């Protein structure tokens, strides 16, 4: 039984047969079915029931799942022990799920040094503001807002304080808003119809009185935090952003109406509860490296 096929079945068993997980596994969707067909042929068991629009584990699949998990974990643990004896270098794969903003901000400034220090560790960053169940189950590290999940260890979090920001150029040209009502005479930017997991009020500044603001209509919408910050830096208008953004981007923006405080969102650093020893080692290496990087740019983290 090939390890690749076994890994695919274990993944599907953990995610409720979510075949969109081929992205997290780094293989074509068709390969996942090939792997299942291979195991079913070898074991003589019907593991997954195929139905249009939905697939699920059979009774035999449910019974085989813990056995498959133990086989795969034993393989990973044994391989790690051999490699540890013969080669102490950090190597293997590391899947990290994060938001688009964090990927283009913090990650791009830190990943170069991390890769230089650990060239044999293959890092796969999945950047998306929406978190599919397949990615939540398949990632080794999640760095993003997230709800309660018993399969995850929340190591620490960063608090993001939201407000309104603009460039110095824009404020010189259009004037500095002195009251919330002054915003009606300014170009306001927003996200449009943007689905952001565990942050339903991403367009909080457009909600009106609940945030001490008039009803604002955006002149420009972009479904990207990074692009909104860049647009504001180019003097287009006022955007929603976080006070921590200036630590992550080269473009320095000015807080507008600082008395208007938007939502405070926690971004968590999470690892898997049932990770193998090799995965735990790799995640710890990245965690230590990343924590040191955050300290150098003045970002405070709060341990759980």
C-alpha atoms as a PDB file:
ATOM      1  CA  UNK A   1       0.000   0.000   0.000  1.00  0.00           C
ATOM      2  CA  UNK A   2       1.565   3.252  -1.114  1.00  0.00           C
ATOM      3  CA  UNK A   3       2.049   5.935   1.513  1.00  0.00           C
ATOM      4  CA  UNK A   4       0.650   8.614  -0.820  1.00  0.00           C
ATOM      5  CA  UNK A   5      -2.609   6.700  -1.140  1.00  0.00           C
ATOM      6  CA  UNK A   6      -2.776   6.070   2.602  1.00  0.00           C
ATOM      7  CA  UNK A   7      -2.189   9.780   3.300  1.00  0.00           C
ATOM      8  CA  UNK A   8      -5.071  10.711   1.001  1.00  0.00           C
ATOM      9  CA  UNK A   9      -7.487   8.335   2.718  1.00  0.00           C
ATOM     10  CA  UNK A  10      -6.470   9.551   6.185  1.00  0.00           C
ATOM     11  CA  UNK A  11      -7.016  13.124   5.055  1.00  0.00           C
ATOM     12  CA  UNK A  12     -10.469  12.347   3.624  1.00  0.00           C
ATOM     13  CA  UNK A  13     -11.443  10.470   6.774  1.00  0.00           C
ATOM     14  CA  UNK A  14     -10.503  13.505   8.891  1.00  0.00           C
ATOM     15  CA  UNK A  15     -12.338  16.030   6.681  1.00  0.00           C
ATOM     16  CA  UNK A  16     -15.579  14.189   5.993  1.00  0.00           C
ATOM     17  CA  UNK A  17     -14.563  13.293   2.425  1.00  0.00           C
ATOM     18  CA  UNK A  18     -13.818  16.850   1.349  1.00  0.00           C
ATOM     19  CA  UNK A  19     -12.215  16.356  -2.055  1.00  0.00           C
ATOM     20  CA  UNK A  20     -11.475  20.081  -2.336  1.00  0.00           C
ATOM     21  CA  UNK A  21      -8.551  19.198  -0.087  1.00  0.00           C
ATOM     22  CA  UNK A  22      -6.470  18.316  -3.133  1.00  0.00           C
ATOM     23  CA  UNK A  23      -5.102  21.878  -2.873  1.00  0.00           C
ATOM     24  CA  UNK A  24      -3.834  21.291   0.655  1.00  0.00           C
ATOM     25  CA  UNK A  25      -2.383  17.915  -0.357  1.00  0.00           C
ATOM     26  CA  UNK A  26      -0.745  19.456  -3.402  1.00  0.00           C
ATOM     27  CA  UNK A  27      -2.163  16.910  -5.871  1.00  0.00           C
ATOM     28  CA  UNK A  28      -4.843  16.937  -8.605  1.00  0.00           C
ATOM     29  CA  UNK A  29      -8.365  16.045  -7.485  1.00  0.00           C
ATOM     30  CA  UNK A  30      -8.364  13.036  -9.832  1.00  0.00           C
ATOM     31  CA  UNK A  31      -5.346  11.617  -7.995  1.00  0.00           C
ATOM     32  CA  UNK A  32      -7.353  11.466  -4.789  1.00  0.00           C
ATOM     33  CA  UNK A  33      -9.860   9.118  -6.387  1.00  0.00           C
ATOM     34  CA  UNK A  34      -7.031   7.062  -7.891  1.00  0.00           C
ATOM     35  CA  UNK A  35      -5.551   6.671  -4.406  1.00  0.00           C
ATOM     36  CA  UNK A  36      -8.875   5.521  -2.953  1.00  0.00           C
ATOM     37  CA  UNK A  37      -9.414   3.079  -5.824  1.00  0.00           C
ATOM     38  CA  UNK A  38      -5.928   1.715  -5.191  1.00  0.00           C
ATOM     39  CA  UNK A  39      -6.560   1.057  -1.478  1.00  0.00           C
ATOM     40  CA  UNK A  40     -10.014  -0.407  -2.121  1.00  0.00           C
ATOM     41  CA  UNK A  41      -8.571  -2.774  -4.734  1.00  0.00           C
ATOM     42  CA  UNK A  42      -5.744  -3.846  -2.439  1.00  0.00           C
ATOM     43  CA  UNK A  43      -7.859  -4.331   0.694  1.00  0.00           C
ATOM     44  CA  UNK A  44     -11.049  -5.559  -0.946  1.00  0.00           C
ATOM     45  CA  UNK A  45     -12.982  -3.001   1.116  1.00  0.00           C
ATOM     46  CA  UNK A  46     -15.513  -0.428  -0.066  1.00  0.00           C
ATOM     47  CA  UNK A  47     -14.203   2.646   1.785  1.00  0.00           C
ATOM     48  CA  UNK A  48     -16.041   5.596   0.255  1.00  0.00           C
ATOM     49  CA  UNK A  49     -19.557   5.739  -1.152  1.00  0.00           C
ATOM     50  CA  UNK A  50     -19.661   7.903  -4.254  1.00  0.00           C
ATOM     51  CA  UNK A  51     -22.778   9.970  -4.853  1.00  0.00           C
ATOM     52  CA  UNK A  52     -23.362  12.949  -7.079  1.00  0.00           C
ATOM     53  CA  UNK A  53     -22.467  16.079  -5.142  1.00  0.00           C
ATOM     54  CA  UNK A  54     -21.525  14.191  -1.976  1.00  0.00           C
ATOM     55  CA  UNK A  55     -19.288  11.331  -0.864  1.00  0.00           C
ATOM     56  CA  UNK A  56     -19.024   9.705   2.558  1.00  0.00           C
ATOM     57  CA  UNK A  57     -17.230   6.908   4.375  1.00  0.00           C
ATOM     58  CA  UNK A  58     -18.912   3.524   4.353  1.00  0.00           C
ATOM     59  CA  UNK A  59     -19.114   1.348   7.486  1.00  0.00           C
ATOM     60  CA  UNK A  60     -15.966  -0.394   6.278  1.00  0.00           C
ATOM     61  CA  UNK A  61     -14.343   2.992   5.678  1.00  0.00           C
ATOM     62  CA  UNK A  62     -15.197   4.155   9.193  1.00  0.00           C
ATOM     63  CA  UNK A  63     -13.739   0.945  10.640  1.00  0.00           C
ATOM     64  CA  UNK A  64     -10.589   1.222   8.531  1.00  0.00           C
ATOM     65  CA  UNK A  65      -9.992   4.937   9.300  1.00  0.00           C
ATOM     66  CA  UNK A  66      -8.302   4.525  12.731  1.00  0.00           C
ATOM     67  CA  UNK A  67      -6.177   1.676  11.345  1.00  0.00           C
ATOM     68  CA  UNK A  68      -5.084   3.821   8.407  1.00  0.00           C
ATOM     69  CA  UNK A  69      -4.308   6.718  10.722  1.00  0.00           C
ATOM     70  CA  UNK A  70      -2.153   4.494  12.935  1.00  0.00           C
ATOM     71  CA  UNK A  71      -0.323   3.050   9.908  1.00  0.00           C
ATOM     72  CA  UNK A  72       0.406   6.499   8.493  1.00  0.00           C
ATOM     73  CA  UNK A  73       1.475   7.915  11.869  1.00  0.00           C
ATOM     74  CA  UNK A  74       3.769   4.934  12.485  1.00  0.00           C
ATOM     75  CA  UNK A  75       5.376   5.490   9.084  1.00  0.00           C
ATOM     76  CA  UNK A  76       5.916   9.195   9.744  1.00  0.00           C
ATOM     77  CA  UNK A  77       7.279   8.628  13.241  1.00  0.00           C
ATOM     78  CA  UNK A  78       9.641   5.872  12.086  1.00  0.00           C
ATOM     79  CA  UNK A  79      10.904   7.889   9.145  1.00  0.00           C
ATOM     80  CA  UNK A  80      11.500  10.868  11.404  1.00  0.00           C
ATOM     81  CA  UNK A  81      13.511   8.752  13.848  1.00  0.00           C
ATOM     82  CA  UNK A  82      15.731   7.452  11.033  1.00  0.00           C
ATOM     83  CA  UNK A  83      16.274  10.910   9.624  1.00  0.00           C
ATOM     84  CA  UNK A  84      16.990  12.286  13.066  1.00  0.00           C
ATOM     85  CA  UNK A  85      19.726   9.690  13.531  1.00  0.00           C
ATOM     86  CA  UNK A  86      21.295  10.178  10.105  1.00  0.00           C
ATOM     87  CA  UNK A  87      20.614  13.834   9.373  1.00  0.00           C
ATOM     88  CA  UNK A  88      19.791  16.379  12.080  1.00  0.00           C
ATOM     89  CA  UNK A  89      18.750  19.009   9.521  1.00  0.00           C
ATOM     90  CA  UNK A  90      15.196  20.305   9.527  1.00  0.00           C
ATOM     91  CA  UNK A  91      13.404  18.954   6.462  1.00  0.00           C
ATOM     92  CA  UNK A  92      10.048  17.824   5.183  1.00  0.00           C
ATOM     93  CA  UNK A  93       6.851  19.736   4.381  1.00  0.00           C
ATOM     94  CA  UNK A  94       4.992  22.481   6.201  1.00  0.00           C
ATOM     95  CA  UNK A  95       1.524  23.668   5.146  1.00  0.00           C
ATOM     96  CA  UNK A  96       0.550  27.106   6.479  1.00  0.00           C
ATOM     97  CA  UNK A  97      -2.927  28.610   6.120  1.00  0.00           C
ATOM     98  CA  UNK A  98      -3.150  32.370   6.505  1.00  0.00           C
ATOM     99  CA  UNK A  99      -5.019  35.400   5.199  1.00  0.00           C
ATOM    100  CA  UNK A 100      -4.178  37.268   2.017  1.00  0.00           C
ATOM    101  CA  UNK A 101      -3.020  40.301   3.986  1.00  0.00           C
ATOM    102  CA  UNK A 102      -0.683  38.356   6.257  1.00  0.00           C
ATOM    103  CA  UNK A 103       0.747  36.413   3.338  1.00  0.00           C
ATOM    104  CA  UNK A 104       1.601  39.559   1.382  1.00  0.00           C
ATOM    105  CA  UNK A 105       2.651  41.530   4.463  1.00  0.00           C
ATOM    106  CA  UNK A 106       4.469  39.622   7.189  1.00  0.00           C
ATOM    107  CA  UNK A 107       5.226  36.445   5.285  1.00  0.00           C
ATOM    108  CA  UNK A 108       6.884  38.056   2.297  1.00  0.00           C
ATOM    109  CA  UNK A 109       9.255  39.956   4.574  1.00  0.00           C
ATOM    110  CA  UNK A 110      10.170  36.981   6.748  1.00  0.00           C
ATOM    111  CA  UNK A 111      10.029  33.954   4.487  1.00  0.00           C
ATOM    112  CA  UNK A 112      13.287  34.773   2.682  1.00  0.00           C
ATOM    113  CA  UNK A 113      15.333  34.537   5.871  1.00  0.00           C
ATOM    114  CA  UNK A 114      13.421  31.460   7.005  1.00  0.00           C
ATOM    115  CA  UNK A 115      14.118  29.690   3.706  1.00  0.00           C
ATOM    116  CA  UNK A 116      17.796  30.635   3.920  1.00  0.00           C
ATOM    117  CA  UNK A 117      18.046  29.083   7.385  1.00  0.00           C
ATOM    118  CA  UNK A 118      15.995  25.959   6.557  1.00  0.00           C
ATOM    119  CA  UNK A 119      16.393  25.275   2.816  1.00  0.00           C
ATOM    120  CA  UNK A 120      15.307  21.631   3.137  1.00  0.00           C
ATOM    121  CA  UNK A 121      11.939  22.478   4.680  1.00  0.00           C
ATOM    122  CA  UNK A 122       9.358  22.892   1.906  1.00  0.00           C
ATOM    123  CA  UNK A 123       6.810  25.530   2.906  1.00  0.00           C
ATOM    124  CA  UNK A 124       3.394  25.703   1.246  1.00  0.00           C
ATOM    125  CA  UNK A 125       1.531  28.909   2.159  1.00  0.00           C
ATOM    126  CA  UNK A 126      -2.199  28.799   1.363  1.00  0.00           C
ATOM    127  CA  UNK A 127      -3.368  32.424   1.387  1.00  0.00           C
ATOM    128  CA  UNK A 128      -7.124  32.983   1.435  1.00  0.00           C
ATOM    129  CA  UNK A 129      -9.440  35.098   3.581  1.00  0.00           C
ATOM    130  CA  UNK A 130     -12.024  32.328   3.321  1.00  0.00           C
ATOM    131  CA  UNK A 131     -11.082  29.143   5.201  1.00  0.00           C
ATOM    132  CA  UNK A 132     -12.490  25.928   3.669  1.00  0.00           C
ATOM    133  CA  UNK A 133     -12.885  22.946   5.984  1.00  0.00           C
ATOM    134  CA  UNK A 134     -10.411  21.006   3.848  1.00  0.00           C
ATOM    135  CA  UNK A 135      -7.667  23.583   4.421  1.00  0.00           C
ATOM    136  CA  UNK A 136      -8.484  23.913   8.130  1.00  0.00           C
ATOM    137  CA  UNK A 137      -8.072  20.147   8.472  1.00  0.00           C
ATOM    138  CA  UNK A 138      -5.035  19.840   6.211  1.00  0.00           C
ATOM    139  CA  UNK A 139      -2.825  22.731   7.322  1.00  0.00           C
ATOM    140  CA  UNK A 140      -0.036  22.164   9.832  1.00  0.00           C
ATOM    141  CA  UNK A 141      -0.151  25.803  10.981  1.00  0.00           C
ATOM    142  CA  UNK A 142      -3.050  28.248  10.840  1.00  0.00           C
ATOM    143  CA  UNK A 143      -2.272  31.937  11.293  1.00  0.00           C
ATOM    144  CA  UNK A 144      -5.600  33.708  11.026  1.00  0.00           C
ATOM    145  CA  UNK A 145      -8.838  34.522  12.871  1.00  0.00           C
ATOM    146  CA  UNK A 146     -10.472  31.232  13.793  1.00  0.00           C
ATOM    147  CA  UNK A 147     -13.193  29.845  16.027  1.00  0.00           C
ATOM    148  CA  UNK A 148     -13.059  27.004  18.512  1.00  0.00           C
ATOM    149  CA  UNK A 149     -11.699  23.753  17.109  1.00  0.00           C
ATOM    150  CA  UNK A 150     -10.784  20.897  19.471  1.00  0.00           C
ATOM    151  CA  UNK A 151      -8.254  19.617  16.914  1.00  0.00           C
ATOM    152  CA  UNK A 152      -6.178  22.804  17.148  1.00  0.00           C
ATOM    153  CA  UNK A 153      -3.773  24.215  19.730  1.00  0.00           C
ATOM    154  CA  UNK A 154      -4.002  28.002  19.925  1.00  0.00           C
ATOM    155  CA  UNK A 155      -0.464  28.995  20.877  1.00  0.00           C
ATOM    156  CA  UNK A 156      -0.842  32.783  20.867  1.00  0.00           C
ATOM    157  CA  UNK A 157      -2.688  35.593  19.157  1.00  0.00           C
ATOM    158  CA  UNK A 158      -2.174  39.095  17.798  1.00  0.00           C
ATOM    159  CA  UNK A 159      -4.833  41.718  18.445  1.00  0.00           C
ATOM    160  CA  UNK A 160      -5.784  43.777  15.407  1.00  0.00           C
ATOM    161  CA  UNK A 161      -7.356  47.160  16.133  1.00  0.00           C
ATOM    162  CA  UNK A 162      -9.370  48.474  13.201  1.00  0.00           C
ATOM    163  CA  UNK A 163      -9.810  52.090  12.268  1.00  0.00           C
ATOM    164  CA  UNK A 164      -9.858  54.459   9.285  1.00  0.00           C
ATOM    165  CA  UNK A 165      -6.697  55.498   7.467  1.00  0.00           C
ATOM    166  CA  UNK A 166      -5.546  57.719   4.615  1.00  0.00           C
ATOM    167  CA  UNK A 167      -2.321  59.004   3.126  1.00  0.00           C
ATOM    168  CA  UNK A 168      -0.796  62.366   3.954  1.00  0.00           C
ATOM    169  CA  UNK A 169      -1.162  63.342   0.287  1.00  0.00           C
ATOM    170  CA  UNK A 170      -4.904  62.644   0.310  1.00  0.00           C
ATOM    171  CA  UNK A 171      -5.524  64.527   3.557  1.00  0.00           C
ATOM    172  CA  UNK A 172      -3.625  67.562   2.284  1.00  0.00           C
ATOM    173  CA  UNK A 173      -5.722  67.569  -0.875  1.00  0.00           C
ATOM    174  CA  UNK A 174      -9.160  66.757   0.556  1.00  0.00           C
ATOM    175  CA  UNK A 175      -8.782  68.005   4.120  1.00  0.00           C
ATOM    176  CA  UNK A 176      -8.732  66.164   7.428  1.00  0.00           C
ATOM    177  CA  UNK A 177     -12.166  64.929   8.609  1.00  0.00           C
ATOM    178  CA  UNK A 178     -12.973  66.470  11.978  1.00  0.00           C
ATOM    179  CA  UNK A 179     -16.317  64.755  12.591  1.00  0.00           C
ATOM    180  CA  UNK A 180     -17.810  61.477  11.383  1.00  0.00           C
ATOM    181  CA  UNK A 181     -20.230  63.443   9.205  1.00  0.00           C
ATOM    182  CA  UNK A 182     -17.261  64.950   7.334  1.00  0.00           C
ATOM    183  CA  UNK A 183     -16.669  61.508   5.851  1.00  0.00           C
ATOM    184  CA  UNK A 184     -19.691  62.045   3.619  1.00  0.00           C
ATOM    185  CA  UNK A 185     -17.548  64.445   1.600  1.00  0.00           C
ATOM    186  CA  UNK A 186     -14.679  61.983   1.163  1.00  0.00           C
ATOM    187  CA  UNK A 187     -13.883  58.999  -1.006  1.00  0.00           C
ATOM    188  CA  UNK A 188     -14.519  55.927   1.135  1.00  0.00           C
ATOM    189  CA  UNK A 189     -13.175  52.501   0.202  1.00  0.00           C
ATOM    190  CA  UNK A 190     -14.392  49.055   1.229  1.00  0.00           C
ATOM    191  CA  UNK A 191     -14.250  45.354   0.474  1.00  0.00           C
ATOM    192  CA  UNK A 192     -17.415  44.795  -1.537  1.00  0.00           C
ATOM    193  CA  UNK A 193     -18.987  41.351  -1.221  1.00  0.00           C
ATOM    194  CA  UNK A 194     -16.034  39.750   0.517  1.00  0.00           C
ATOM    195  CA  UNK A 195     -16.343  36.558   2.552  1.00  0.00           C
ATOM    196  CA  UNK A 196     -13.845  36.554   5.407  1.00  0.00           C
ATOM    197  CA  UNK A 197     -13.972  33.562   7.746  1.00  0.00           C
ATOM    198  CA  UNK A 198     -14.487  34.471  11.417  1.00  0.00           C
ATOM    199  CA  UNK A 199     -14.624  38.201  10.605  1.00  0.00           C
ATOM    200  CA  UNK A 200     -18.174  38.847   9.462  1.00  0.00           C
ATOM    201  CA  UNK A 201     -17.947  42.627   9.981  1.00  0.00           C
ATOM    202  CA  UNK A 202     -15.033  43.254   7.659  1.00  0.00           C
ATOM    203  CA  UNK A 203     -17.010  46.200   6.240  1.00  0.00           C
ATOM    204  CA  UNK A 204     -17.706  47.510   9.737  1.00  0.00           C
ATOM    205  CA  UNK A 205     -17.192  51.148   8.692  1.00  0.00           C
ATOM    206  CA  UNK A 206     -20.163  50.921   6.318  1.00  0.00           C
ATOM    207  CA  UNK A 207     -22.568  49.804   9.066  1.00  0.00           C
ATOM    208  CA  UNK A 208     -23.449  53.337  10.187  1.00  0.00           C
ATOM    209  CA  UNK A 209     -24.543  54.233  13.718  1.00  0.00           C
ATOM    210  CA  UNK A 210     -23.396  50.999  15.343  1.00  0.00           C
ATOM    211  CA  UNK A 211     -19.828  52.311  14.949  1.00  0.00           C
ATOM    212  CA  UNK A 212     -20.578  55.996  15.480  1.00  0.00           C
ATOM    213  CA  UNK A 213     -20.545  56.747  11.756  1.00  0.00           C
ATOM    214  CA  UNK A 214     -23.047  58.034   9.224  1.00  0.00           C
ATOM    215  CA  UNK A 215     -24.242  55.665   6.526  1.00  0.00           C
ATOM    216  CA  UNK A 216     -21.299  55.555   4.130  1.00  0.00           C
ATOM    217  CA  UNK A 217     -21.346  54.391   0.517  1.00  0.00           C
ATOM    218  CA  UNK A 218     -17.967  53.275  -0.846  1.00  0.00           C
ATOM    219  CA  UNK A 219     -16.628  54.886  -4.014  1.00  0.00           C
ATOM    220  CA  UNK A 220     -14.225  51.993  -4.531  1.00  0.00           C
ATOM    221  CA  UNK A 221     -14.338  48.371  -3.404  1.00  0.00           C
ATOM    222  CA  UNK A 222     -11.454  45.897  -3.574  1.00  0.00           C
ATOM    223  CA  UNK A 223     -11.558  42.390  -2.136  1.00  0.00           C
ATOM    224  CA  UNK A 224      -8.002  42.647  -0.830  1.00  0.00           C
ATOM    225  CA  UNK A 225      -6.679  44.265   2.334  1.00  0.00           C
ATOM    226  CA  UNK A 226      -3.265  44.790   0.774  1.00  0.00           C
ATOM    227  CA  UNK A 227      -4.747  46.451  -2.311  1.00  0.00           C
ATOM    228  CA  UNK A 228      -6.902  48.743  -0.171  1.00  0.00           C
ATOM    229  CA  UNK A 229      -3.845  49.857   1.785  1.00  0.00           C
ATOM    230  CA  UNK A 230      -1.936  50.448  -1.457  1.00  0.00           C
ATOM    231  CA  UNK A 231      -4.865  52.389  -2.893  1.00  0.00           C
ATOM    232  CA  UNK A 232      -4.988  54.571   0.218  1.00  0.00           C
ATOM    233  CA  UNK A 233      -1.215  55.082   0.033  1.00  0.00           C
ATOM    234  CA  UNK A 234      -1.655  56.331  -3.543  1.00  0.00           C
ATOM    235  CA  UNK A 235      -4.032  59.006  -2.329  1.00  0.00           C
ATOM    236  CA  UNK A 236      -7.274  57.554  -3.660  1.00  0.00           C
ATOM    237  CA  UNK A 237      -9.279  57.775  -0.443  1.00  0.00           C
ATOM    238  CA  UNK A 238      -9.920  56.601   3.105  1.00  0.00           C
ATOM    239  CA  UNK A 239      -9.765  52.879   3.807  1.00  0.00           C
ATOM    240  CA  UNK A 240     -10.472  50.562   6.734  1.00  0.00           C
ATOM    241  CA  UNK A 241      -7.246  49.079   8.090  1.00  0.00           C
ATOM    242  CA  UNK A 242      -5.589  48.183  11.372  1.00  0.00           C
ATOM    243  CA  UNK A 243      -3.261  50.210  13.551  1.00  0.00           C
ATOM    244  CA  UNK A 244      -0.827  47.308  13.225  1.00  0.00           C
ATOM    245  CA  UNK A 245      -0.725  47.587   9.416  1.00  0.00           C
ATOM    246  CA  UNK A 246       2.055  50.170   9.425  1.00  0.00           C
ATOM    247  CA  UNK A 247       4.343  47.504  10.882  1.00  0.00           C
ATOM    248  CA  UNK A 248       3.644  45.167   7.977  1.00  0.00           C
ATOM    249  CA  UNK A 249       3.566  47.498   4.969  1.00  0.00           C
ATOM    250  CA  UNK A 250       6.072  50.009   3.668  1.00  0.00           C
ATOM    251  CA  UNK A 251       3.284  52.499   3.020  1.00  0.00           C
ATOM    252  CA  UNK A 252       2.725  54.566   6.167  1.00  0.00           C
ATOM    253  CA  UNK A 253      -0.833  55.787   6.591  1.00  0.00           C
ATOM    254  CA  UNK A 254      -2.346  58.347   8.966  1.00  0.00           C
ATOM    255  CA  UNK A 255      -5.204  57.473  11.339  1.00  0.00           C
ATOM    256  CA  UNK A 256      -8.388  59.371  10.510  1.00  0.00           C
ATOM    257  CA  UNK A 257     -10.872  60.154  13.303  1.00  0.00           C
ATOM    258  CA  UNK A 258      -8.963  58.162  15.942  1.00  0.00           C
ATOM    259  CA  UNK A 259     -11.968  58.349  18.256  1.00  0.00           C
ATOM    260  CA  UNK A 260     -13.715  55.926  15.893  1.00  0.00           C
ATOM    261  CA  UNK A 261     -12.622  52.470  17.042  1.00  0.00           C
ATOM    262  CA  UNK A 262     -13.524  49.556  14.820  1.00  0.00           C
ATOM    263  CA  UNK A 263     -13.639  45.893  15.840  1.00  0.00           C
ATOM    264  CA  UNK A 264     -10.750  44.160  17.596  1.00  0.00           C
ATOM    265  CA  UNK A 265      -9.980  40.856  15.886  1.00  0.00           C
ATOM    266  CA  UNK A 266      -7.632  38.176  17.191  1.00  0.00           C
ATOM    267  CA  UNK A 267      -5.370  36.411  14.721  1.00  0.00           C
ATOM    268  CA  UNK A 268      -4.265  33.080  16.192  1.00  0.00           C
ATOM    269  CA  UNK A 269      -1.179  30.955  15.669  1.00  0.00           C
ATOM    270  CA  UNK A 270      -2.546  27.413  15.737  1.00  0.00           C
ATOM    271  CA  UNK A 271      -1.005  23.958  15.384  1.00  0.00           C
ATOM    272  CA  UNK A 272      -2.523  20.481  15.162  1.00  0.00           C
ATOM    273  CA  UNK A 273      -3.297  18.478  18.290  1.00  0.00           C
ATOM    274  CA  UNK A 274      -2.569  15.138  16.624  1.00  0.00           C
ATOM    275  CA  UNK A 275       0.533  16.172  14.658  1.00  0.00           C
ATOM    276  CA  UNK A 276       3.357  13.671  14.268  1.00  0.00           C
ATOM    277  CA  UNK A 277       6.665  14.347  16.011  1.00  0.00           C
ATOM    278  CA  UNK A 278       8.309  15.447  12.747  1.00  0.00           C
ATOM    279  CA  UNK A 279       5.488  17.912  12.039  1.00  0.00           C
ATOM    280  CA  UNK A 280       5.628  19.204  15.622  1.00  0.00           C
ATOM    281  CA  UNK A 281       9.352  19.762  15.235  1.00  0.00           C
ATOM    282  CA  UNK A 282       8.880  21.701  11.999  1.00  0.00           C
ATOM    283  CA  UNK A 283       6.048  23.812  13.382  1.00  0.00           C
ATOM    284  CA  UNK A 284       8.090  24.636  16.484  1.00  0.00           C
ATOM    285  CA  UNK A 285      11.003  25.741  14.301  1.00  0.00           C
ATOM    286  CA  UNK A 286       8.729  28.035  12.311  1.00  0.00           C
ATOM    287  CA  UNK A 287       6.976  29.302  15.441  1.00  0.00           C
ATOM    288  CA  UNK A 288      10.260  30.267  17.117  1.00  0.00           C
ATOM    289  CA  UNK A 289      11.546  31.938  13.976  1.00  0.00           C
ATOM    290  CA  UNK A 290       8.319  33.849  13.369  1.00  0.00           C
ATOM    291  CA  UNK A 291       8.008  35.016  16.970  1.00  0.00           C
ATOM    292  CA  UNK A 292      11.511  36.493  16.786  1.00  0.00           C
ATOM    293  CA  UNK A 293      10.612  38.236  13.538  1.00  0.00           C
ATOM    294  CA  UNK A 294       7.466  39.764  15.053  1.00  0.00           C
ATOM    295  CA  UNK A 295       9.541  41.027  17.977  1.00  0.00           C
ATOM    296  CA  UNK A 296      11.936  42.814  15.607  1.00  0.00           C
ATOM    297  CA  UNK A 297       9.067  44.749  13.981  1.00  0.00           C
ATOM    298  CA  UNK A 298       7.433  45.569  17.302  1.00  0.00           C
ATOM    299  CA  UNK A 299       4.355  43.346  17.048  1.00  0.00           C
ATOM    300  CA  UNK A 300       3.139  42.138  20.440  1.00  0.00           C
ATOM    301  CA  UNK A 301       1.768  38.618  20.812  1.00  0.00           C
ATOM    302  CA  UNK A 302      -0.362  37.301  23.661  1.00  0.00           C
ATOM    303  CA  UNK A 303       0.135  33.683  24.713  1.00  0.00           C
ATOM    304  CA  UNK A 304      -2.933  31.589  25.333  1.00  0.00           C
END
